């Protein structure tokens, strides 16, 4: 169950809404050591860290064409169809963002225009450890292809057998990505940033990851390597009232909690009985999750906050500024206009 906090004073909100803390100094020291070794010894360091962290000895870091083709037989037709539908939807959305080049004559004989050109070489980091995010291959790969990036390099960790989750490989092939490497963690970011004998150096790195991956991205960024953004641990906040469906709210909270032990979810509600129903549903659904232990650990960082009214709840959530916000209320459109 999520800890319930009833009617907290506004003066206590800042302390109440603190994210899970990590020792950033120790983290940076560990990651800096990894990056330095990758920069100095290339593939040798990548194989060493893969053996240390992923418990597998690799002869080759690159996924072979045969491995990519075999993956298709390991993914159900139902999942392949779902991936194709998602790809089509993402393509439609990002295609609409393309702009026609407009030439403007700002003064006589002076013509100005803006033209978007794809980054020539990009690196995509795809988490593949506790949660193989093949959806991220679509979210990053499709825009990269539409932008016209000439070279797309994908890094993702392998399992103890030295294999990549087949759904990741199927999705990558569907998007048109064939340069895939069995490298995860901070060492993968180092490989993309500096280049090794196997992994090409790229101009910009995209993709989410754990605290080690995020720290590595921030450190290489200080050296001039472009990154998308330093994403933190996954989190969601839900604003709910008496009209919400407790089963849905519980599922939304757990969907983020199961990302990892450093994740956090926040429920804000103006009805105590609703919070009780959601907590009961969380317990019920938690026991059915294959990643139950991770979600349970994240719930220890999480809170259900009972407020006097929705306006107070919105003020609290604006102060929290969550990564994801779900409004499970009556007149959600009207409520959403106040959430800024």
Protein backbone atom coordinates (compact mmCIF):
# COMPACT_ATOMS: atom_id res chain seq x y z
CA UNK A 1 0.00 0.00 0.00
CA UNK A 2 0.99 3.61 -0.53
CA UNK A 3 1.54 5.73 2.57
CA UNK A 4 -1.41 8.08 3.08
CA UNK A 5 -0.81 11.70 4.13
CA UNK A 6 -3.92 13.59 5.24
CA UNK A 7 -4.38 17.31 4.74
CA UNK A 8 -0.72 18.38 4.90
CA UNK A 9 0.08 22.05 5.57
CA UNK A 10 1.40 23.94 2.58
CA UNK A 11 4.59 24.69 4.52
CA UNK A 12 5.27 20.92 4.57
CA UNK A 13 4.75 20.31 0.84
CA UNK A 14 8.39 20.78 -0.15
CA UNK A 15 9.59 18.15 2.30
CA UNK A 16 6.68 15.87 1.51
CA UNK A 17 7.35 15.92 -2.23
CA UNK A 18 11.07 15.15 -2.12
CA UNK A 19 12.30 12.67 -4.71
CA UNK A 20 14.28 9.56 -3.67
CA UNK A 21 17.82 10.74 -2.95
CA UNK A 22 21.01 9.20 -4.33
CA UNK A 23 24.66 9.81 -3.46
CA UNK A 24 25.57 11.85 -6.56
CA UNK A 25 29.25 12.19 -5.64
CA UNK A 26 29.82 8.45 -5.36
CA UNK A 27 27.73 7.85 -8.48
CA UNK A 28 29.75 10.33 -10.54
CA UNK A 29 33.03 8.79 -9.39
CA UNK A 30 31.94 5.31 -10.44
CA UNK A 31 30.60 6.47 -13.81
CA UNK A 32 33.63 8.65 -14.54
CA UNK A 33 35.88 5.63 -13.99
CA UNK A 34 33.84 3.58 -16.46
CA UNK A 35 33.86 6.34 -19.09
CA UNK A 36 37.61 6.84 -18.76
CA UNK A 37 38.31 3.16 -19.29
CA UNK A 38 36.01 2.96 -22.33
CA UNK A 39 37.73 6.01 -23.80
CA UNK A 40 41.17 4.48 -23.26
CA UNK A 41 40.66 0.82 -24.14
CA UNK A 42 37.52 0.72 -26.30
CA UNK A 43 36.07 -2.73 -27.01
CA UNK A 44 38.22 -4.33 -24.33
CA UNK A 45 36.53 -2.20 -21.65
CA UNK A 46 33.06 -2.87 -23.08
CA UNK A 47 33.59 -6.63 -22.95
CA UNK A 48 35.04 -6.41 -19.45
CA UNK A 49 32.07 -4.43 -18.13
CA UNK A 50 29.60 -6.70 -19.94
CA UNK A 51 31.14 -9.66 -18.13
CA UNK A 52 31.11 -7.78 -14.82
CA UNK A 53 27.59 -6.35 -14.97
CA UNK A 54 25.68 -8.62 -17.37
CA UNK A 55 27.53 -11.83 -16.44
CA UNK A 56 28.29 -12.86 -20.01
CA UNK A 57 31.51 -13.12 -22.01
CA UNK A 58 31.08 -11.80 -25.55
CA UNK A 59 33.27 -12.51 -28.55
CA UNK A 60 31.45 -9.95 -30.68
CA UNK A 61 29.63 -6.84 -29.53
CA UNK A 62 27.56 -6.32 -32.66
CA UNK A 63 24.30 -8.18 -33.20
CA UNK A 64 24.57 -10.27 -36.34
CA UNK A 65 22.13 -10.21 -39.24
CA UNK A 66 21.30 -13.83 -38.42
CA UNK A 67 20.35 -12.89 -34.84
CA UNK A 68 18.12 -10.09 -36.11
CA UNK A 69 16.35 -12.40 -38.56
CA UNK A 70 15.89 -15.19 -35.98
CA UNK A 71 14.23 -12.77 -33.56
CA UNK A 72 11.16 -12.61 -35.80
CA UNK A 73 10.35 -16.24 -34.93
CA UNK A 74 10.50 -15.51 -31.21
CA UNK A 75 7.91 -12.73 -31.19
CA UNK A 76 4.19 -13.49 -31.37
CA UNK A 77 2.16 -12.31 -34.34
CA UNK A 78 -0.05 -10.38 -31.93
CA UNK A 79 2.90 -8.37 -30.61
CA UNK A 80 4.29 -7.81 -34.11
CA UNK A 81 0.93 -6.40 -35.16
CA UNK A 82 0.81 -4.11 -32.12
CA UNK A 83 4.33 -2.85 -32.87
CA UNK A 84 3.35 -2.15 -36.47
CA UNK A 85 0.27 -0.20 -35.38
CA UNK A 86 2.34 1.84 -32.92
CA UNK A 87 4.94 2.54 -35.61
CA UNK A 88 2.25 3.77 -37.99
CA UNK A 89 0.76 6.08 -35.35
CA UNK A 90 4.15 7.52 -34.40
CA UNK A 91 5.01 8.09 -38.07
CA UNK A 92 1.76 9.99 -38.63
CA UNK A 93 2.38 12.20 -35.61
CA UNK A 94 5.98 13.10 -36.47
CA UNK A 95 5.39 13.43 -40.20
CA UNK A 96 2.94 16.23 -39.40
CA UNK A 97 5.82 18.14 -37.78
CA UNK A 98 7.72 18.50 -41.02
CA UNK A 99 7.80 22.11 -42.16
CA UNK A 100 7.81 23.44 -45.68
CA UNK A 101 10.79 25.70 -46.32
CA UNK A 102 9.52 29.27 -46.56
CA UNK A 103 11.70 31.94 -48.14
CA UNK A 104 11.08 35.39 -46.67
CA UNK A 105 12.36 38.62 -48.22
CA UNK A 106 13.12 40.62 -45.08
CA UNK A 107 14.27 43.61 -47.15
CA UNK A 108 14.81 44.15 -50.84
CA UNK A 109 17.17 41.51 -52.18
CA UNK A 110 17.66 39.86 -48.78
CA UNK A 111 16.16 36.38 -48.62
CA UNK A 112 16.01 34.39 -45.38
CA UNK A 113 14.77 30.90 -44.66
CA UNK A 114 14.96 28.13 -42.11
CA UNK A 115 15.68 24.54 -43.08
CA UNK A 116 15.80 21.53 -40.75
CA UNK A 117 18.46 18.90 -41.51
CA UNK A 118 18.79 15.58 -39.70
CA UNK A 119 21.84 14.92 -37.50
CA UNK A 120 24.16 12.72 -39.54
CA UNK A 121 25.03 10.18 -36.81
CA UNK A 122 22.88 9.54 -33.75
CA UNK A 123 23.08 7.00 -30.94
CA UNK A 124 20.00 5.45 -29.36
CA UNK A 125 20.22 3.90 -25.91
CA UNK A 126 17.47 1.34 -25.29
CA UNK A 127 17.07 -0.05 -21.76
CA UNK A 128 16.99 -3.84 -21.90
CA UNK A 129 17.77 -5.06 -18.42
CA UNK A 130 14.86 -5.23 -15.97
CA UNK A 131 12.52 -3.72 -18.61
CA UNK A 132 13.32 -4.12 -22.33
CA UNK A 133 11.75 -0.95 -23.74
CA UNK A 134 11.18 -1.89 -27.37
CA UNK A 135 8.63 0.94 -27.48
CA UNK A 136 11.56 3.34 -27.06
CA UNK A 137 13.02 2.00 -30.32
CA UNK A 138 9.90 3.34 -32.04
CA UNK A 139 9.79 6.63 -30.14
CA UNK A 140 13.40 7.40 -31.03
CA UNK A 141 13.99 5.46 -34.23
CA UNK A 142 10.98 6.64 -36.22
CA UNK A 143 11.74 10.39 -35.76
CA UNK A 144 15.41 9.71 -36.59
CA UNK A 145 14.45 8.05 -39.86
CA UNK A 146 11.95 10.76 -40.76
CA UNK A 147 14.55 13.45 -39.99
CA UNK A 148 16.93 11.81 -42.44
CA UNK A 149 19.68 10.78 -40.01
CA UNK A 150 22.19 8.88 -42.16
CA UNK A 151 23.55 6.60 -39.45
CA UNK A 152 21.60 5.30 -36.45
CA UNK A 153 23.50 3.30 -33.84
CA UNK A 154 21.57 1.35 -31.20
CA UNK A 155 23.03 0.12 -27.92
CA UNK A 156 21.15 -2.13 -25.51
CA UNK A 157 22.26 -4.63 -22.85
CA UNK A 158 22.10 -8.38 -23.44
CA UNK A 159 21.04 -11.13 -21.06
CA UNK A 160 23.23 -13.79 -19.45
CA UNK A 161 23.06 -15.82 -22.66
CA UNK A 162 24.41 -12.95 -24.71
CA UNK A 163 21.12 -12.33 -26.51
CA UNK A 164 19.04 -9.21 -27.00
CA UNK A 165 15.33 -9.21 -26.23
CA UNK A 166 13.77 -10.33 -29.56
CA UNK A 167 11.08 -7.62 -29.46
CA UNK A 168 13.83 -4.98 -29.49
CA UNK A 169 15.46 -6.58 -32.54
CA UNK A 170 12.16 -6.99 -34.40
CA UNK A 171 11.26 -3.37 -33.73
CA UNK A 172 14.69 -2.12 -34.75
CA UNK A 173 14.52 -4.01 -38.05
CA UNK A 174 11.04 -2.65 -38.70
CA UNK A 175 12.33 0.88 -38.22
CA UNK A 176 15.36 0.19 -40.40
CA UNK A 177 18.07 0.08 -37.73
CA UNK A 178 20.67 -2.63 -38.34
CA UNK A 179 23.72 -1.41 -36.38
CA UNK A 180 22.88 -2.85 -32.98
CA UNK A 181 25.37 -3.48 -30.17
CA UNK A 182 25.15 -5.63 -27.03
CA UNK A 183 26.30 -2.88 -24.71
CA UNK A 184 24.39 -1.40 -21.79
CA UNK A 185 24.84 0.97 -18.89
CA UNK A 186 27.28 3.85 -18.59
CA UNK A 187 29.76 1.97 -20.79
CA UNK A 188 27.31 2.14 -23.71
CA UNK A 189 27.10 5.91 -23.37
CA UNK A 190 30.90 6.05 -23.36
CA UNK A 191 31.07 3.92 -26.50
CA UNK A 192 28.63 6.19 -28.35
CA UNK A 193 30.37 9.33 -27.12
CA UNK A 194 33.98 8.35 -27.90
CA UNK A 195 33.66 5.50 -30.38
CA UNK A 196 35.46 2.15 -30.10
CA UNK A 197 36.81 -0.42 -32.55
CA UNK A 198 33.25 -1.75 -32.99
CA UNK A 199 30.88 1.03 -31.95
CA UNK A 200 30.88 4.17 -34.14
CA UNK A 201 31.12 7.56 -32.46
CA UNK A 202 27.93 9.61 -32.82
CA UNK A 203 27.10 13.31 -32.72
CA UNK A 204 24.13 13.12 -30.34
CA UNK A 205 22.89 10.52 -27.85
CA UNK A 206 19.22 9.87 -27.17
CA UNK A 207 17.36 7.57 -24.82
CA UNK A 208 16.39 6.91 -21.20
CA UNK A 209 18.16 4.74 -18.66
CA UNK A 210 18.92 4.17 -15.01
CA UNK A 211 20.88 6.55 -12.80
CA UNK A 212 24.21 5.31 -14.20
CA UNK A 213 23.12 5.94 -17.79
CA UNK A 214 21.76 9.37 -16.92
CA UNK A 215 24.92 10.32 -15.06
CA UNK A 216 27.07 9.12 -17.97
CA UNK A 217 25.07 11.26 -20.40
CA UNK A 218 25.54 14.30 -18.20
CA UNK A 219 29.29 13.73 -17.90
CA UNK A 220 29.92 13.25 -21.63
CA UNK A 221 27.76 16.30 -22.27
CA UNK A 222 30.29 18.34 -20.25
CA UNK A 223 32.89 17.17 -22.77
CA UNK A 224 30.87 18.54 -25.68
CA UNK A 225 28.86 15.47 -26.66
CA UNK A 226 25.23 16.43 -27.36
CA UNK A 227 22.46 14.60 -25.49
CA UNK A 228 18.69 14.83 -25.55
CA UNK A 229 18.06 15.44 -21.85
CA UNK A 230 19.12 14.00 -18.49
CA UNK A 231 16.01 11.99 -17.64
CA UNK A 232 15.49 11.16 -13.98
CA UNK A 233 13.81 8.10 -12.42
CA UNK A 234 10.37 7.38 -13.84
CA UNK A 235 7.48 9.00 -11.95
CA UNK A 236 3.80 9.76 -12.30
CA UNK A 237 1.30 11.87 -10.39
CA UNK A 238 -2.42 11.19 -10.51
CA UNK A 239 -5.10 13.70 -9.53
CA UNK A 240 -8.31 11.81 -8.77
CA UNK A 241 -11.80 12.57 -7.48
CA UNK A 242 -14.86 10.47 -6.63
CA UNK A 243 -15.62 9.86 -10.34
CA UNK A 244 -12.36 8.02 -11.04
CA UNK A 245 -12.13 4.28 -11.65
CA UNK A 246 -9.92 2.96 -8.81
CA UNK A 247 -8.76 -0.03 -10.89
CA UNK A 248 -7.49 2.28 -13.64
CA UNK A 249 -5.77 4.67 -11.23
CA UNK A 250 -4.04 1.78 -9.48
CA UNK A 251 -2.86 0.41 -12.83
CA UNK A 252 -1.51 3.84 -13.84
CA UNK A 253 0.43 4.14 -10.58
CA UNK A 254 1.87 0.63 -10.82
CA UNK A 255 2.84 1.06 -14.48
CA UNK A 256 5.41 3.64 -13.40
CA UNK A 257 6.31 2.06 -10.06
CA UNK A 258 7.46 -1.13 -11.79
CA UNK A 259 10.09 0.78 -13.80
CA UNK A 260 12.59 0.51 -10.96
CA UNK A 261 13.27 0.82 -7.26
CA UNK A 262 14.11 4.52 -7.62
CA UNK A 263 10.76 5.33 -9.26
CA UNK A 264 8.09 7.33 -7.44
CA UNK A 265 4.33 7.69 -7.80
CA UNK A 266 2.10 10.30 -6.18
CA UNK A 267 -1.67 10.11 -5.79
CA UNK A 268 -3.53 13.33 -4.91
CA UNK A 269 -7.22 13.06 -4.08
CA UNK A 270 -9.92 14.98 -2.25
CA UNK A 271 -11.82 11.89 -1.11
CA UNK A 272 -10.46 9.56 1.60
CA UNK A 273 -12.71 6.63 0.64
CA UNK A 274 -11.44 6.81 -2.94
CA UNK A 275 -7.86 6.62 -1.70
CA UNK A 276 -8.78 3.53 0.33
CA UNK A 277 -10.30 1.86 -2.74
CA UNK A 278 -7.24 2.68 -4.86
CA UNK A 279 -4.90 1.30 -2.20
CA UNK A 280 -6.89 -1.94 -2.05
CA UNK A 281 -6.69 -2.23 -5.82
CA UNK A 282 -2.94 -1.54 -5.77
CA UNK A 283 -2.43 -4.47 -3.40
CA UNK A 284 -4.56 -6.72 -5.60
CA UNK A 285 -2.79 -5.79 -8.85
CA UNK A 286 0.67 -5.74 -7.31
CA UNK A 287 0.45 -9.45 -6.50
CA UNK A 288 -0.17 -10.18 -10.19
CA UNK A 289 2.84 -8.28 -11.53
CA UNK A 290 5.90 -10.21 -12.76
CA UNK A 291 7.99 -7.24 -11.56
CA UNK A 292 6.31 -7.20 -8.15
CA UNK A 293 9.53 -6.72 -6.14
CA UNK A 294 10.59 -3.63 -8.11
CA UNK A 295 7.14 -2.05 -7.92
CA UNK A 296 6.86 -2.77 -4.18
CA UNK A 297 10.21 -1.08 -3.56
CA UNK A 298 9.15 1.98 -5.56
CA UNK A 299 5.89 2.21 -3.60
CA UNK A 300 7.99 2.81 -0.47
CA UNK A 301 9.05 6.11 -2.08
CA UNK A 302 5.45 6.95 -2.94
CA UNK A 303 2.55 8.74 -1.27
CA UNK A 304 -1.20 9.21 -1.45
CA UNK A 305 -2.05 12.75 -0.37
CA UNK A 306 -5.53 13.69 0.81
CA UNK A 307 -6.31 17.35 0.11
CA UNK A 308 -9.26 19.59 0.96
CA UNK A 309 -10.24 20.21 -2.66
CA UNK A 310 -9.00 19.81 -6.23
CA UNK A 311 -7.70 23.37 -6.47
CA UNK A 312 -5.42 22.70 -3.52
CA UNK A 313 -4.43 19.43 -5.18
CA UNK A 314 -3.48 21.24 -8.38
CA UNK A 315 -1.34 23.72 -6.45
CA UNK A 316 0.47 20.83 -4.79
CA UNK A 317 1.00 19.01 -8.10
CA UNK A 318 2.27 22.14 -9.82
CA UNK A 319 4.89 22.41 -7.08
CA UNK A 320 5.81 18.75 -7.62
CA UNK A 321 5.97 19.09 -11.45
CA UNK A 322 5.90 15.37 -12.22
CA UNK A 323 7.27 13.69 -15.32
CA UNK A 324 3.81 12.32 -16.10
CA UNK A 325 0.48 13.75 -14.91
CA UNK A 326 -2.84 11.92 -15.15
CA UNK A 327 -6.11 13.69 -14.37
CA UNK A 328 -8.79 11.19 -13.37
CA UNK A 329 -11.53 13.69 -12.57
CA UNK A 330 -14.88 14.87 -13.77
CA UNK A 331 -14.56 17.76 -16.24
CA UNK A 332 -10.93 16.82 -16.86
CA UNK A 333 -10.55 19.37 -19.66
CA UNK A 334 -11.54 22.21 -17.37
CA UNK A 335 -9.29 20.89 -14.59
CA UNK A 336 -6.34 20.52 -16.97
CA UNK A 337 -6.47 24.21 -17.89
CA UNK A 338 -5.64 25.01 -14.28
CA UNK A 339 -2.68 22.61 -14.11
CA UNK A 340 0.11 24.92 -15.18
